[in-house]
């Protein structure tokens, strides 16, 4: 990987999962941090949060077994 690609690629780590701020929203917010100290808050509606949950569970099952 060239240094230009490294500079443009951000690897984030999930630091926290919170309920959505809006009472009418059934979603969540993921708090992300990168190695450079940058932070991001990613909002997911309920459907996308459920899809993410399913995909994480599938990936964990493949790596660690059920």
Protein backbone atom coordinates (compact mmCIF):
# COMPACT_ATOMS: atom_id res chain seq x y z
CA UNK A 1 0.00 0.00 0.00
CA UNK A 2 1.48 3.37 -0.95
CA UNK A 3 1.82 6.23 1.52
CA UNK A 4 -0.92 8.17 -0.33
CA UNK A 5 -3.34 5.30 0.29
CA UNK A 6 -2.31 5.15 3.96
CA UNK A 7 -2.95 8.86 4.38
CA UNK A 8 -6.42 8.58 2.83
CA UNK A 9 -7.45 5.43 4.70
CA UNK A 10 -8.92 5.78 8.17
CA UNK A 11 -9.26 2.75 10.41
CA UNK A 12 -11.87 3.38 13.09
CA UNK A 13 -12.50 1.52 16.34
CA UNK A 14 -15.97 1.43 17.88
CA UNK A 15 -15.66 3.01 21.32
CA UNK A 16 -19.30 3.15 22.38
CA UNK A 17 -22.84 2.38 21.27
CA UNK A 18 -25.61 4.71 22.41
CA UNK A 19 -29.33 5.01 21.91
CA UNK A 20 -30.37 7.68 19.44
CA UNK A 21 -30.78 11.15 20.91
CA UNK A 22 -34.18 11.64 19.29
CA UNK A 23 -37.01 10.00 21.29
CA UNK A 24 -38.97 9.26 18.09
CA UNK A 25 -36.00 7.47 16.50
CA UNK A 26 -35.48 3.77 17.19
CA UNK A 27 -31.87 3.89 16.07
CA UNK A 28 -28.46 3.97 17.65
CA UNK A 29 -25.29 6.02 17.41
CA UNK A 30 -21.83 4.46 17.21
CA UNK A 31 -18.96 6.47 18.64
CA UNK A 32 -15.82 5.86 16.54
CA UNK A 33 -12.19 6.85 17.10
CA UNK A 34 -9.25 6.51 14.72
CA UNK A 35 -5.55 6.05 15.47
CA UNK A 36 -4.93 9.75 14.83
CA UNK A 37 -7.41 10.75 17.56
CA UNK A 38 -10.16 11.72 15.15
CA UNK A 39 -13.67 10.94 16.30
CA UNK A 40 -16.92 10.35 14.46
CA UNK A 41 -20.49 9.60 15.49
CA UNK A 42 -22.33 7.32 13.06
CA UNK A 43 -26.12 7.23 13.28
CA UNK A 44 -28.03 4.10 12.25
CA UNK A 45 -31.79 3.75 12.05
CA UNK A 46 -33.36 0.67 13.59
CA UNK A 47 -33.28 -1.36 10.36
CA UNK A 48 -29.61 -0.63 9.70
CA UNK A 49 -28.73 -1.30 13.34
CA UNK A 50 -30.41 -4.71 13.10
CA UNK A 51 -28.57 -5.48 9.85
CA UNK A 52 -25.27 -4.53 11.48
CA UNK A 53 -26.07 -6.72 14.49
CA UNK A 54 -26.78 -9.69 12.21
CA UNK A 55 -23.59 -9.20 10.20
CA UNK A 56 -21.43 -8.83 13.32
CA UNK A 57 -22.97 -11.99 14.79
CA UNK A 58 -22.36 -13.87 11.52
CA UNK A 59 -18.73 -12.72 11.37
CA UNK A 60 -18.15 -13.72 15.00
CA UNK A 61 -19.72 -17.13 14.43
CA UNK A 62 -17.46 -17.73 11.42
CA UNK A 63 -14.35 -16.71 13.34
CA UNK A 64 -15.09 -18.26 16.74
CA UNK A 65 -17.83 -20.78 16.11
CA UNK A 66 -21.37 -20.69 17.52
